[in-house]
C-alpha atoms as a PDB file:
ATOM      1  CA  MET A   1      97.757  71.453  99.106  1.00  0.00           C
ATOM      2  CA  LYS A   2      97.918  74.804  99.829  1.00  0.00           C
ATOM      3  CA  LYS A   3     101.253  77.012  99.875  1.00  0.00           C
ATOM      4  CA  LYS A   4     102.490  78.883 103.091  1.00  0.00           C
ATOM      5  CA  PHE A   5     101.546  82.477 103.656  1.00  0.00           C
ATOM      6  CA  ALA A   6     103.218  85.516 105.404  1.00  0.00           C
ATOM      7  CA  LEU A   7     102.406  88.953 106.590  1.00  0.00           C
ATOM      8  CA  ALA A   8     104.251  91.792 108.151  1.00  0.00           C
ATOM      9  CA  ILE A   9     103.240  95.304 109.071  1.00  0.00           C
ATOM     10  CA  HIS A  10     104.615  98.477 110.460  1.00  0.00           C
ATOM     11  CA  GLY A  11     103.341 101.504 112.191  1.00  0.00           C
ATOM     12  CA  GLY A  12     106.086 103.789 112.053  1.00  0.00           C
ATOM     13  CA  ALA A  13     109.930 103.881 113.073  1.00  0.00           C
ATOM     14  CA  GLY A  14     112.200 106.556 114.468  1.00  0.00           C
ATOM     15  CA  THR A  15     114.048 107.470 118.077  1.00  0.00           C
ATOM     16  CA  LEU A  16     111.730 105.425 119.982  1.00  0.00           C
ATOM     17  CA  LEU A  17     113.474 105.127 123.404  1.00  0.00           C
ATOM     18  CA  PRO A  18     112.053 103.021 126.140  1.00  0.00           C
ATOM     19  CA  SER A  19     112.203 105.655 128.775  1.00  0.00           C
ATOM     20  CA  GLU A  20     109.877 107.921 126.601  1.00  0.00           C
ATOM     21  CA  ILE A  21     106.978 105.157 126.167  1.00  0.00           C
ATOM     22  CA  THR A  22     104.990 104.241 129.134  1.00  0.00           C
ATOM     23  CA  PRO A  23     104.137 100.392 129.518  1.00  0.00           C
ATOM     24  CA  GLU A  24     100.753 101.388 129.144  1.00  0.00           C
ATOM     25  CA  LYS A  25     101.358 103.029 126.116  1.00  0.00           C
ATOM     26  CA  ALA A  26     103.518 100.242 124.696  1.00  0.00           C
ATOM     27  CA  ASP A  27     100.613  97.928 125.405  1.00  0.00           C
ATOM     28  CA  GLU A  28      98.260  99.851 123.525  1.00  0.00           C
ATOM     29  CA  ILE A  29     100.200  99.883 120.633  1.00  0.00           C
ATOM     30  CA  GLN A  30     101.106  96.322 120.624  1.00  0.00           C
ATOM     31  CA  GLU A  31      97.619  95.282 120.893  1.00  0.00           C
ATOM     32  CA  ALA A  32      96.798  97.640 117.605  1.00  0.00           C
ATOM     33  CA  LEU A  33      99.466  95.882 115.889  1.00  0.00           C
ATOM     34  CA  GLN A  34      98.257  92.618 116.845  1.00  0.00           C
ATOM     35  CA  HIS A  35      94.781  93.495 115.924  1.00  0.00           C
ATOM     36  CA  ALA A  36      95.870  94.565 112.356  1.00  0.00           C
ATOM     37  CA  LEU A  37      98.063  91.409 112.149  1.00  0.00           C
ATOM     38  CA  TYR A  38      94.877  89.312 113.146  1.00  0.00           C
ATOM     39  CA  GLU A  39      92.667  91.090 110.462  1.00  0.00           C
ATOM     40  CA  GLY A  40      95.256  90.436 107.667  1.00  0.00           C
ATOM     41  CA  LYS A  41      95.950  87.027 108.665  1.00  0.00           C
ATOM     42  CA  LYS A  42      92.427  85.796 108.887  1.00  0.00           C
ATOM     43  CA  CYS A  43      91.848  87.292 105.459  1.00  0.00           C
ATOM     44  CA  LEU A  44      95.000  84.928 104.147  1.00  0.00           C
ATOM     45  CA  MET A  45      93.695  81.973 106.150  1.00  0.00           C
ATOM     46  CA  ASP A  46      90.420  82.220 104.142  1.00  0.00           C
ATOM     47  CA  GLY A  47      92.102  82.147 100.929  1.00  0.00           C
ATOM     48  CA  GLY A  48      92.296  85.887 100.206  1.00  0.00           C
ATOM     49  CA  THR A  49      94.733  87.289  98.028  1.00  0.00           C
ATOM     50  CA  ALA A  50      97.772  89.248  99.274  1.00  0.00           C
ATOM     51  CA  VAL A  51      96.546  92.606  98.045  1.00  0.00           C
ATOM     52  CA  ASP A  52      93.389  92.037  99.702  1.00  0.00           C
ATOM     53  CA  ALA A  53      95.419  91.239 103.117  1.00  0.00           C
ATOM     54  CA  VAL A  54      97.324  94.402 103.119  1.00  0.00           C
ATOM     55  CA  GLU A  55      94.593  96.421 102.384  1.00  0.00           C
ATOM     56  CA  ILE A  56      92.661  94.996 105.290  1.00  0.00           C
ATOM     57  CA  ALA A  57      95.650  95.295 107.597  1.00  0.00           C
ATOM     58  CA  VAL A  58      96.340  98.826 106.491  1.00  0.00           C
ATOM     59  CA  THR A  59      92.775  99.720 107.022  1.00  0.00           C
ATOM     60  CA  ALA A  60      92.908  98.424 110.727  1.00  0.00           C
ATOM     61  CA  LEU A  61      96.000 100.611 111.304  1.00  0.00           C
ATOM     62  CA  GLU A  62      94.409 103.455 109.688  1.00  0.00           C
ATOM     63  CA  ASP A  63      91.277 103.377 111.839  1.00  0.00           C
ATOM     64  CA  CYS A  64      93.726 103.355 115.083  1.00  0.00           C
ATOM     65  CA  PRO A  65      94.537 107.246 116.398  1.00  0.00           C
ATOM     66  CA  LEU A  66      98.010 105.793 117.485  1.00  0.00           C
ATOM     67  CA  PHE A  67      99.489 105.885 114.014  1.00  0.00           C
ATOM     68  CA  ASN A  68     100.104 108.748 111.594  1.00  0.00           C
ATOM     69  CA  ALA A  69      97.668 107.447 109.079  1.00  0.00           C
ATOM     70  CA  GLY A  70      93.856 107.734 108.729  1.00  0.00           C
ATOM     71  CA  LYS A  71      92.158 108.583 111.990  1.00  0.00           C
ATOM     72  CA  GLY A  72      95.494 109.302 113.668  1.00  0.00           C
ATOM     73  CA  ALA A  73      97.066 111.759 110.683  1.00  0.00           C
ATOM     74  CA  VAL A  74      98.755 114.804 111.598  1.00  0.00           C
ATOM     75  CA  MET A  75      97.768 118.204 110.644  1.00  0.00           C
ATOM     76  CA  ALA A  76      99.205 120.281 107.955  1.00  0.00           C
ATOM     77  CA  HIS A  77     100.192 123.816 108.048  1.00  0.00           C
ATOM     78  CA  ASP A  78      96.593 125.229 107.277  1.00  0.00           C
ATOM     79  CA  GLY A  79      94.916 123.159 109.931  1.00  0.00           C
ATOM     80  CA  SER A  80      93.600 120.138 107.404  1.00  0.00           C
ATOM     81  CA  PHE A  81      94.256 116.573 107.364  1.00  0.00           C
ATOM     82  CA  GLU A  82      96.040 115.714 104.028  1.00  0.00           C
ATOM     83  CA  MET A  83      96.849 112.059 103.500  1.00  0.00           C
ATOM     84  CA  GLU A  84      98.672 109.742 100.911  1.00  0.00           C
ATOM     85  CA  ALA A  85      98.546 106.085 100.523  1.00  0.00           C
ATOM     86  CA  SER A  86      99.602 103.280  97.885  1.00  0.00           C
ATOM     87  CA  ILE A  87      99.289  99.540  97.085  1.00  0.00           C
ATOM     88  CA  MET A  88     100.847  97.231  94.627  1.00  0.00           C
ATOM     89  CA  SER A  89     100.125  93.655  93.495  1.00  0.00           C
ATOM     90  CA  GLY A  90     103.363  91.479  92.820  1.00  0.00           C
ATOM     91  CA  GLN A  91     101.648  89.307  90.309  1.00  0.00           C
ATOM     92  CA  THR A  92     100.376  91.719  87.985  1.00  0.00           C
ATOM     93  CA  LEU A  93     102.347  94.986  88.951  1.00  0.00           C
ATOM     94  CA  GLU A  94      98.979  96.929  88.886  1.00  0.00           C
ATOM     95  CA  ALA A  95      99.339  99.715  91.394  1.00  0.00           C
ATOM     96  CA  GLY A  96      97.343 102.304  92.982  1.00  0.00           C
ATOM     97  CA  ALA A  97      98.339 105.497  94.612  1.00  0.00           C
ATOM     98  CA  VAL A  98      96.553 108.643  96.012  1.00  0.00           C
ATOM     99  CA  ALA A  99      98.375 111.920  97.314  1.00  0.00           C
ATOM    100  CA  GLY A 100      96.997 115.135  98.718  1.00  0.00           C
ATOM    101  CA  ILE A 101      93.517 113.476  99.775  1.00  0.00           C
ATOM    102  CA  ARG A 102      91.351 115.006 102.424  1.00  0.00           C
ATOM    103  CA  GLY A 103      88.141 114.011 104.082  1.00  0.00           C
ATOM    104  CA  ILE A 104      88.331 110.131 103.009  1.00  0.00           C
ATOM    105  CA  LYS A 105      88.254 107.863 105.894  1.00  0.00           C
ATOM    106  CA  ASN A 106      90.611 105.238 104.625  1.00  0.00           C
ATOM    107  CA  PRO A 107      92.988 106.179 101.894  1.00  0.00           C
ATOM    108  CA  ILE A 108      94.198 102.905 101.231  1.00  0.00           C
ATOM    109  CA  ARG A 109      90.739 101.668 100.240  1.00  0.00           C
ATOM    110  CA  LEU A 110      90.902 104.551  97.826  1.00  0.00           C
ATOM    111  CA  ALA A 111      94.457 103.451  96.435  1.00  0.00           C
ATOM    112  CA  LYS A 112      92.905  99.999  96.034  1.00  0.00           C
ATOM    113  CA  LYS A 113      89.961 101.589  94.025  1.00  0.00           C
ATOM    114  CA  ILE A 114      92.579 103.238  91.705  1.00  0.00           C
ATOM    115  CA  HIS A 115      94.582  99.847  91.560  1.00  0.00           C
ATOM    116  CA  ASP A 116      91.443  98.124  90.298  1.00  0.00           C
ATOM    117  CA  ASP A 117      90.817 100.650  87.629  1.00  0.00           C
ATOM    118  CA  MET A 118      93.391  99.842  84.777  1.00  0.00           C
ATOM    119  CA  ASN A 119      93.156 103.304  83.498  1.00  0.00           C
ATOM    120  CA  PHE A 120      94.764 104.794  86.407  1.00  0.00           C
ATOM    121  CA  VAL A 121      97.907 104.470  88.950  1.00  0.00           C
ATOM    122  CA  PHE A 122      98.313 107.759  90.642  1.00  0.00           C
ATOM    123  CA  MET A 123      95.670 110.497  91.548  1.00  0.00           C
ATOM    124  CA  HIS A 124      95.909 113.669  93.715  1.00  0.00           C
ATOM    125  CA  GLY A 125      93.546 116.111  95.490  1.00  0.00           C
ATOM    126  CA  GLU A 126      90.239 117.177  94.117  1.00  0.00           C
ATOM    127  CA  GLY A 127      90.211 114.550  91.116  1.00  0.00           C
ATOM    128  CA  ALA A 128      91.168 111.709  93.546  1.00  0.00           C
ATOM    129  CA  LEU A 129      88.169 112.837  95.836  1.00  0.00           C
ATOM    130  CA  LYS A 130      85.560 112.947  92.718  1.00  0.00           C
ATOM    131  CA  PHE A 131      86.995 109.376  92.045  1.00  0.00           C
ATOM    132  CA  ALA A 132      86.479 108.264  95.665  1.00  0.00           C
ATOM    133  CA  ARG A 133      82.939 109.559  95.561  1.00  0.00           C
ATOM    134  CA  ARG A 134      82.166 107.869  92.493  1.00  0.00           C
ATOM    135  CA  HIS A 135      83.048 104.479  94.133  1.00  0.00           C
ATOM    136  CA  GLN A 136      81.080 105.593  97.232  1.00  0.00           C
ATOM    137  CA  LEU A 137      83.813 105.573  99.531  1.00  0.00           C
ATOM    138  CA  GLN A 138      83.027 106.687 103.097  1.00  0.00           C
ATOM    139  CA  GLU A 139      83.712 110.479 103.709  1.00  0.00           C
ATOM    140  CA  VAL A 140      84.402 111.937 107.242  1.00  0.00           C
ATOM    141  CA  LYS A 141      84.578 115.755 108.291  1.00  0.00           C
ATOM    142  CA  ASP A 142      88.043 116.903 109.773  1.00  0.00           C
ATOM    143  CA  GLU A 143      86.456 116.195 113.300  1.00  0.00           C
ATOM    144  CA  TYR A 144      86.691 112.594 112.734  1.00  0.00           C
ATOM    145  CA  PHE A 145      90.824 112.914 112.508  1.00  0.00           C
ATOM    146  CA  PHE A 146      91.348 115.536 115.470  1.00  0.00           C
ATOM    147  CA  THR A 147      92.911 114.517 118.508  1.00  0.00           C
ATOM    148  CA  GLN A 148      94.443 116.824 121.255  1.00  0.00           C
ATOM    149  CA  SER A 149      97.909 115.008 120.703  1.00  0.00           C
ATOM    150  CA  ARG A 150      97.832 115.970 117.125  1.00  0.00           C
ATOM    151  CA  TYR A 151      96.424 119.317 117.846  1.00  0.00           C
ATOM    152  CA  LYS A 152      99.311 120.186 120.202  1.00  0.00           C
ATOM    153  CA  GLN A 153     102.216 118.840 117.549  1.00  0.00           C
ATOM    154  CA  TRP A 154     100.756 121.463 115.389  1.00  0.00           C
ATOM    155  CA  LEU A 155     100.711 124.320 117.730  1.00  0.00           C
ATOM    156  CA  MET A 156     104.356 123.349 118.451  1.00  0.00           C
ATOM    157  CA  ALA A 157     105.320 122.958 114.712  1.00  0.00           C
ATOM    158  CA  LYS A 158     103.681 126.419 113.931  1.00  0.00           C
ATOM    159  CA  GLU A 159     105.524 127.934 116.777  1.00  0.00           C
ATOM    160  CA  THR A 160     108.760 127.122 115.191  1.00  0.00           C
ATOM    161  CA  ASN A 161     107.730 127.680 111.403  1.00  0.00           C
ATOM    162  CA  GLN A 162     108.962 124.033 111.032  1.00  0.00           C
ATOM    163  CA  MET A 163     107.559 120.882 109.344  1.00  0.00           C
ATOM    164  CA  LEU A 164     108.016 118.033 111.829  1.00  0.00           C
ATOM    165  CA  VAL A 165     107.937 114.335 111.869  1.00  0.00           C
ATOM    166  CA  ASP A 166     105.091 112.780 113.946  1.00  0.00           C
ATOM    167  CA  HIS A 167     106.152 112.829 117.485  1.00  0.00           C
ATOM    168  CA  ASP A 168     104.612 112.661 120.852  1.00  0.00           C
ATOM    169  CA  GLY A 169     107.494 112.773 123.339  1.00  0.00           C
ATOM    170  CA  GLU A 170     109.729 110.762 120.771  1.00  0.00           C
ATOM    171  CA  ARG A 171     110.788 111.536 117.346  1.00  0.00           C
ATOM    172  CA  LYS A 172     108.934 109.067 115.092  1.00  0.00           C
ATOM    173  CA  PHE A 173     107.873 108.378 111.510  1.00  0.00           C
ATOM    174  CA  GLY A 174     104.173 107.177 112.150  1.00  0.00           C
ATOM    175  CA  THR A 175     103.497 105.943 108.705  1.00  0.00           C
ATOM    176  CA  VAL A 176     101.692 102.515 108.444  1.00  0.00           C
ATOM    177  CA  GLY A 177     102.182  99.595 106.027  1.00  0.00           C
ATOM    178  CA  ALA A 178     101.736  96.084 105.171  1.00  0.00           C
ATOM    179  CA  VAL A 179     103.477  93.330 103.043  1.00  0.00           C
ATOM    180  CA  ALA A 180     102.034  89.854 102.365  1.00  0.00           C
ATOM    181  CA  LEU A 181     102.801  86.557 100.548  1.00  0.00           C
ATOM    182  CA  ASP A 182      99.384  84.610  99.847  1.00  0.00           C
ATOM    183  CA  HIS A 183      98.525  80.990  99.298  1.00  0.00           C
ATOM    184  CA  GLU A 184      98.879  81.298  95.618  1.00  0.00           C
ATOM    185  CA  GLY A 185     102.307  82.560  95.881  1.00  0.00           C
ATOM    186  CA  ASN A 186     101.463  86.144  95.016  1.00  0.00           C
ATOM    187  CA  LEU A 187     102.813  89.237  96.849  1.00  0.00           C
ATOM    188  CA  ALA A 188     101.377  92.607  97.560  1.00  0.00           C
ATOM    189  CA  ALA A 189     102.583  95.856  99.754  1.00  0.00           C
ATOM    190  CA  ALA A 190     100.819  98.811 100.811  1.00  0.00           C
ATOM    191  CA  THR A 191     101.481 102.005 102.672  1.00  0.00           C
ATOM    192  CA  SER A 192      99.661 104.830 104.010  1.00  0.00           C
ATOM    193  CA  THR A 193     100.367 108.183 106.035  1.00  0.00           C
ATOM    194  CA  GLY A 194      99.480 111.517 107.368  1.00  0.00           C
ATOM    195  CA  GLY A 195     102.707 112.846 106.353  1.00  0.00           C
ATOM    196  CA  LEU A 196     104.765 115.697 108.180  1.00  0.00           C
ATOM    197  CA  VAL A 197     103.245 117.737 110.866  1.00  0.00           C
ATOM    198  CA  ASN A 198     102.674 121.234 109.571  1.00  0.00           C
ATOM    199  CA  LYS A 199     103.617 120.529 106.068  1.00  0.00           C
ATOM    200  CA  LYS A 200     103.470 123.166 103.338  1.00  0.00           C
ATOM    201  CA  TYR A 201     103.123 123.910  99.754  1.00  0.00           C
ATOM    202  CA  GLY A 202     101.539 120.650  99.130  1.00  0.00           C
ATOM    203  CA  ARG A 203     104.463 118.618 100.354  1.00  0.00           C
ATOM    204  CA  LEU A 204     104.438 114.885  99.482  1.00  0.00           C
ATOM    205  CA  GLY A 205     106.568 111.962 100.929  1.00  0.00           C
ATOM    206  CA  ASP A 206     107.211 108.536  99.615  1.00  0.00           C
ATOM    207  CA  SER A 207     104.119 106.707 100.905  1.00  0.00           C
ATOM    208  CA  SER A 208     102.221 107.350  97.572  1.00  0.00           C
ATOM    209  CA  VAL A 209     105.135 107.017  95.216  1.00  0.00           C
ATOM    210  CA  ILE A 210     105.488 103.274  93.797  1.00  0.00           C
ATOM    211  CA  GLY A 211     108.944 102.205  94.013  1.00  0.00           C
ATOM    212  CA  SER A 212     109.994 104.555  96.648  1.00  0.00           C
ATOM    213  CA  GLY A 213     107.591 103.823  99.757  1.00  0.00           C
ATOM    214  CA  THR A 214     105.803 100.871  98.059  1.00  0.00           C
ATOM    215  CA  TYR A 215     106.642  98.046  95.765  1.00  0.00           C
ATOM    216  CA  ALA A 216     105.783  94.355  94.797  1.00  0.00           C
ATOM    217  CA  ASN A 217     106.949  92.074  92.364  1.00  0.00           C
ATOM    218  CA  ASN A 218     106.421  88.144  92.566  1.00  0.00           C
ATOM    219  CA  GLU A 219     110.090  87.890  90.967  1.00  0.00           C
ATOM    220  CA  SER A 220     111.784  89.257  94.139  1.00  0.00           C
ATOM    221  CA  CYS A 221     109.901  90.795  97.123  1.00  0.00           C
ATOM    222  CA  ALA A 222     107.086  93.293  98.328  1.00  0.00           C
ATOM    223  CA  VAL A 223     108.276  96.192 100.441  1.00  0.00           C
ATOM    224  CA  SER A 224     106.438  99.067 102.349  1.00  0.00           C
ATOM    225  CA  CYS A 225     108.755 102.104 103.948  1.00  0.00           C
ATOM    226  CA  THR A 226     108.700 104.258 106.813  1.00  0.00           C
ATOM    227  CA  GLY A 227     111.122 107.110 107.350  1.00  0.00           C
ATOM    228  CA  TYR A 228     111.767 110.721 106.415  1.00  0.00           C
ATOM    229  CA  GLY A 229     110.068 110.611 103.078  1.00  0.00           C
ATOM    230  CA  GLU A 230     112.664 113.022 101.071  1.00  0.00           C
ATOM    231  CA  PHE A 231     115.338 110.455 101.818  1.00  0.00           C
ATOM    232  CA  PHE A 232     113.344 107.730 100.813  1.00  0.00           C
ATOM    233  CA  LEU A 233     112.081 109.515  97.308  1.00  0.00           C
ATOM    234  CA  LYS A 234     115.816 110.097  96.526  1.00  0.00           C
ATOM    235  CA  ALA A 235     116.898 106.556  97.424  1.00  0.00           C
ATOM    236  CA  THR A 236     113.839 104.663  95.725  1.00  0.00           C
ATOM    237  CA  VAL A 237     114.235 102.469  98.861  1.00  0.00           C
ATOM    238  CA  ALA A 238     111.481  99.849  97.891  1.00  0.00           C
ATOM    239  CA  ARG A 239     112.282  99.238  94.370  1.00  0.00           C
ATOM    240  CA  ASP A 240     116.178  99.241  95.047  1.00  0.00           C
ATOM    241  CA  ILE A 241     115.688  96.187  97.493  1.00  0.00           C
ATOM    242  CA  ALA A 242     113.820  94.337  94.886  1.00  0.00           C
ATOM    243  CA  ALA A 243     116.502  95.277  92.148  1.00  0.00           C
ATOM    244  CA  TYR A 244     119.278  93.820  94.229  1.00  0.00           C
ATOM    245  CA  MET A 245     117.587  90.566  94.501  1.00  0.00           C
ATOM    246  CA  GLU A 246     116.470  90.598  90.806  1.00  0.00           C
ATOM    247  CA  MET A 247     119.562  91.679  89.413  1.00  0.00           C
ATOM    248  CA  GLY A 248     122.160  91.334  92.138  1.00  0.00           C
ATOM    249  CA  GLN A 249     121.147  88.088  93.105  1.00  0.00           C
ATOM    250  CA  LEU A 250     121.096  89.175  96.602  1.00  0.00           C
ATOM    251  CA  SER A 251     118.864  87.611  99.342  1.00  0.00           C
ATOM    252  CA  LEU A 252     115.981  89.762 100.844  1.00  0.00           C
ATOM    253  CA  LYS A 253     118.136  90.198 104.063  1.00  0.00           C
ATOM    254  CA  GLU A 254     121.168  91.136 102.007  1.00  0.00           C
ATOM    255  CA  ALA A 255     119.138  93.434  99.823  1.00  0.00           C
ATOM    256  CA  SER A 256     117.352  95.262 102.707  1.00  0.00           C
ATOM    257  CA  ASP A 257     120.429  95.521 104.834  1.00  0.00           C
ATOM    258  CA  LYS A 258     122.334  97.199 101.995  1.00  0.00           C
ATOM    259  CA  VAL A 259     119.758  99.980 101.213  1.00  0.00           C
ATOM    260  CA  VAL A 260     118.764 100.370 105.014  1.00  0.00           C
ATOM    261  CA  HIS A 261     122.042 100.006 106.930  1.00  0.00           C
ATOM    262  CA  ASP A 262     124.188 101.398 104.093  1.00  0.00           C
ATOM    263  CA  LYS A 263     122.761 103.282 101.469  1.00  0.00           C
ATOM    264  CA  LEU A 264     120.485 105.227 103.556  1.00  0.00           C
ATOM    265  CA  VAL A 265     122.717 105.758 106.394  1.00  0.00           C
ATOM    266  CA  LYS A 266     125.229 107.352 103.935  1.00  0.00           C
ATOM    267  CA  MET A 267     122.421 109.716 102.878  1.00  0.00           C
ATOM    268  CA  GLU A 268     121.772 110.236 106.706  1.00  0.00           C
ATOM    269  CA  GLY A 269     118.294 109.150 106.003  1.00  0.00           C
ATOM    270  CA  GLU A 270     116.596 107.311 109.260  1.00  0.00           C
ATOM    271  CA  GLY A 271     113.750 104.740 109.101  1.00  0.00           C
ATOM    272  CA  GLY A 272     112.943 101.257 108.133  1.00  0.00           C
ATOM    273  CA  ILE A 273     111.048  98.798 105.989  1.00  0.00           C
ATOM    274  CA  ILE A 274     109.260  95.597 106.089  1.00  0.00           C
ATOM    275  CA  ALA A 275     109.555  93.147 103.298  1.00  0.00           C
ATOM    276  CA  VAL A 276     108.610  89.720 102.397  1.00  0.00           C
ATOM    277  CA  ASP A 277     110.021  87.601  99.442  1.00  0.00           C
ATOM    278  CA  HIS A 278     108.331  84.887  97.246  1.00  0.00           C
ATOM    279  CA  GLU A 279     109.612  82.178  99.462  1.00  0.00           C
ATOM    280  CA  GLY A 280     108.028  83.791 102.503  1.00  0.00           C
ATOM    281  CA  ASN A 281     111.058  84.973 104.424  1.00  0.00           C
ATOM    282  CA  ILE A 282     110.241  88.209 106.213  1.00  0.00           C
ATOM    283  CA  GLU A 283     112.465  90.931 106.792  1.00  0.00           C
ATOM    284  CA  LEU A 284     112.150  93.991 109.249  1.00  0.00           C
ATOM    285  CA  SER A 285     115.034  96.234 109.001  1.00  0.00           C
ATOM    286  CA  PHE A 286     115.390  99.679 110.511  1.00  0.00           C
ATOM    287  CA  ASN A 287     118.293 102.022 111.177  1.00  0.00           C
ATOM    288  CA  SER A 288     116.565 104.059 113.976  1.00  0.00           C
ATOM    289  CA  GLU A 289     116.107 103.232 117.687  1.00  0.00           C
ATOM    290  CA  GLY A 290     113.095 101.409 117.119  1.00  0.00           C
ATOM    291  CA  MET A 291     109.972 100.478 114.842  1.00  0.00           C
ATOM    292  CA  TYR A 292     106.448  99.424 115.493  1.00  0.00           C
ATOM    293  CA  ARG A 293     106.404  96.197 113.701  1.00  0.00           C
ATOM    294  CA  GLY A 294     104.432  92.888 113.632  1.00  0.00           C
ATOM    295  CA  TRP A 295     104.700  89.642 111.651  1.00  0.00           C
ATOM    296  CA  THR A 296     103.106  86.155 111.165  1.00  0.00           C
ATOM    297  CA  SER A 297     102.787  83.340 108.914  1.00  0.00           C
ATOM    298  CA  SER A 298     101.114  80.182 108.340  1.00  0.00           C
ATOM    299  CA  GLU A 299     103.857  78.368 110.152  1.00  0.00           C
ATOM    300  CA  GLU A 300     102.939  79.698 113.503  1.00  0.00           C
ATOM    301  CA  GLN A 301     100.063  80.539 115.585  1.00  0.00           C
ATOM    302  CA  LYS A 302     101.418  83.482 117.361  1.00  0.00           C
ATOM    303  CA  LEU A 303     100.925  87.208 116.339  1.00  0.00           C
ATOM    304  CA  ASN A 304     104.341  88.767 116.616  1.00  0.00           C
ATOM    305  CA  VAL A 305     104.903  92.429 117.598  1.00  0.00           C
ATOM    306  CA  ALA A 306     107.751  94.410 118.540  1.00  0.00           C
ATOM    307  CA  ILE A 307     108.848  98.106 119.223  1.00  0.00           C
ATOM    308  CA  PHE A 308     112.464  98.210 120.007  1.00  0.00           C
ATOM    309  CA  LYS A 309     115.558  96.608 118.521  1.00  0.00           C
END
């Protein structure tokens, strides 16, 4: 008899006000979230692993221009599209991460290739691009990532000489991610982002950092984060939640709330997390006005999506 499975995804958190998102835009976002959930759930229903499911779900989110990852990545100071991503297996603790990557259509697929090569965990820049080419991952020109809304954001940020979170009428952290529990009881997490608008000096966030933006361990939980990366790096958010469960004997909800609503708030860090534990419990915790999120499991037919609290 197969065990149950569970899946959750996010497409960013932040000060998302209902008055600033039109019903049409909300519908578009929810449809995109449902599509990613469907793809990930199909993988799990077909007997796929948690690692495969989170890669598939995040790939679907990267292919959508509504989120700050892959096709929807924001522009760096020099006008380029520089991305980061990571993935981790809770069964083996193998992980793959990539930062400062340009021209690869789906950074999460590159992170998965790194995960599969036991000689590496974290790659950056030109070296990561060579590794991607060795594995024949799809390359695209900058025109693939270009959208008028991202260009407008970039011009606004350049005018004020600031690095800004992804925004389009609202303050939003557009990172994407997924967490899953598969039929075998194994956990996995994955995260991908285009970073900050107008980012400079090779700035990196938490999305490619194992333990900060992504973490998975069968002994506790799988976590993917979205927020202002500097705070999530300093707070080692993803690993902290797992540690509170493993050593503090807290439940997934207790551990998530302690980090998101206590530790981060005290640091004035804004954002949220999605997490699933080894029993299939799902948490979608955020201290911002909203978080693009979705969740489903083997216990239900519905693909649940939400934006606001």
